[in-house]
Amino acid sequence: MPRKIEHSVPFDRESERLSRKYRSLPRELTRLRQQFLAGALPGIRLSGVGHHVYKVRLPNRSARRGKSGGFRVIYQERAGALVLLLLIYSKSERADIPDDVIRRVIAEFET
């Protein structure tokens, strides 16, 4: 089923910053969007932050680190036809994002 993809403000801000630093990020995000449009829900489901929230690992080919040292995208599937890109971060810059931050971004998008 084709999906609509939307972004949160924090996702847009951080993806712009990371794209300036890592030239391969736009290409990786395009690949991720293609997966969503094909109906896939890649990554692992996160518990404790809401329904249908996932974290997917993307490689950082600019830094030649692969997926383990690459990017993390946190997204939420809504109503089966909408994917909301919530947050993105570089694993080399940040270990994880606390659950309360993810819940806050979800709540901000709902208002």
Protein backbone atom coordinates (compact mmCIF):
# COMPACT_ATOMS: atom_id res chain seq x y z
CA MET A 1 0.00 0.00 0.00
CA PRO A 2 1.48 3.39 -0.94
CA ARG A 3 2.14 5.61 2.02
CA LYS A 4 2.30 9.31 2.66
CA ILE A 5 5.49 10.43 4.41
CA GLU A 6 5.63 13.48 6.68
CA HIS A 7 8.45 14.91 8.83
CA SER A 8 8.54 16.53 12.23
CA VAL A 9 10.31 19.86 12.68
CA PRO A 10 13.13 18.28 14.76
CA PHE A 11 13.66 15.67 12.02
CA ASP A 12 13.94 18.35 9.31
CA ARG A 13 16.31 20.48 11.36
CA GLU A 14 18.65 17.64 12.29
CA SER A 15 18.61 15.99 8.86
CA GLU A 16 19.67 19.31 7.30
CA ARG A 17 22.54 19.65 9.76
CA LEU A 18 23.67 16.06 9.27
CA SER A 19 23.36 16.32 5.46
CA ARG A 20 25.84 19.19 5.44
CA LYS A 21 28.28 17.09 7.45
CA TYR A 22 27.66 13.72 5.78
CA ARG A 23 27.00 13.92 2.02
CA SER A 24 25.64 10.35 1.83
CA LEU A 25 22.67 11.00 4.13
CA PRO A 26 20.23 12.32 1.47
CA ARG A 27 20.81 9.17 -0.59
CA GLU A 28 20.17 6.94 2.44
CA LEU A 29 16.97 8.84 3.28
CA THR A 30 15.79 8.43 -0.32
CA ARG A 31 16.31 4.67 -0.01
CA LEU A 32 14.36 4.64 3.24
CA ARG A 33 11.48 6.59 1.68
CA GLN A 34 11.39 4.10 -1.19
CA GLN A 35 11.02 1.27 1.33
CA PHE A 36 8.11 3.06 2.99
CA LEU A 37 6.41 3.69 -0.36
CA ALA A 38 6.80 0.00 -1.20
CA GLY A 39 4.92 -0.89 1.98
CA ALA A 40 7.84 -1.97 4.16
CA LEU A 41 8.30 -1.03 7.81
CA PRO A 42 12.04 -1.51 8.35
CA GLY A 43 13.74 -1.48 11.72
CA ILE A 44 12.77 -2.60 15.18
CA ARG A 45 9.65 -1.69 17.10
CA LEU A 46 10.26 0.48 20.17
CA SER A 47 8.28 -0.25 23.29
CA GLY A 48 7.32 2.33 25.88
CA VAL A 49 6.97 5.30 23.54
CA GLY A 50 3.62 4.75 21.87
CA HIS A 51 2.04 2.59 19.24
CA HIS A 52 3.79 1.66 16.01
CA VAL A 53 7.07 3.51 16.71
CA TYR A 54 10.18 2.07 15.07
CA LYS A 55 13.91 2.72 14.93
CA VAL A 56 15.81 1.93 11.75
CA ARG A 57 19.58 1.93 11.24
CA LEU A 58 21.02 3.57 8.13
CA PRO A 59 24.64 3.30 7.05
CA ASN A 60 26.91 6.33 7.05
CA ARG A 61 28.83 5.79 3.84
CA SER A 62 30.47 9.22 4.15
CA ALA A 63 32.27 8.16 7.32
CA ARG A 64 32.68 4.54 6.15
CA ARG A 65 31.14 3.23 9.34
CA GLY A 66 28.32 1.04 8.07
CA LYS A 67 25.10 0.69 10.03
CA SER A 68 26.59 0.29 13.50
CA GLY A 69 28.18 3.75 13.41
CA GLY A 70 25.63 5.23 11.04
CA PHE A 71 22.35 7.04 11.44
CA ARG A 72 19.23 6.21 13.38
CA VAL A 73 15.78 7.25 12.21
CA ILE A 74 12.84 7.03 14.58
CA TYR A 75 9.47 6.99 12.88
CA GLN A 76 5.84 6.20 13.58
CA GLU A 77 3.35 4.45 11.35
CA ARG A 78 -0.11 5.96 11.57
CA ALA A 79 -3.38 4.63 10.17
CA GLY A 80 -1.54 2.27 7.84
CA ALA A 81 -1.08 4.93 5.18
CA LEU A 82 1.04 7.57 6.93
CA VAL A 83 4.64 7.39 8.08
CA LEU A 84 5.85 10.20 10.32
CA LEU A 85 9.63 10.68 10.45
CA LEU A 86 10.13 11.83 14.04
CA LEU A 87 13.87 12.04 14.77
CA ILE A 88 17.23 11.36 13.20
CA TYR A 89 20.66 11.23 14.78
CA SER A 90 24.16 10.02 14.12
CA LYS A 91 25.19 7.12 16.32
CA SER A 92 28.73 8.51 16.42
CA GLU A 93 27.41 11.76 17.97
CA ARG A 94 24.73 10.40 20.29
CA ALA A 95 24.15 7.05 21.97
CA ASP A 96 20.34 7.05 22.13
CA ILE A 97 17.33 9.33 22.43
CA PRO A 98 15.36 9.10 25.69
CA ASP A 99 11.77 7.84 25.47
CA ASP A 100 10.36 11.09 26.87
CA VAL A 101 11.91 13.05 23.98
CA ILE A 102 10.28 10.71 21.44
CA ARG A 103 6.92 11.01 23.20
CA ARG A 104 7.24 14.81 23.22
CA VAL A 105 7.89 14.94 19.46
CA ILE A 106 4.86 12.70 18.84
CA ALA A 107 2.70 14.95 21.05
CA GLU A 108 3.93 18.11 19.28
CA PHE A 109 3.01 16.66 15.91
CA GLU A 110 -0.49 15.81 17.10
CA THR A 111 -1.22 19.42 18.09
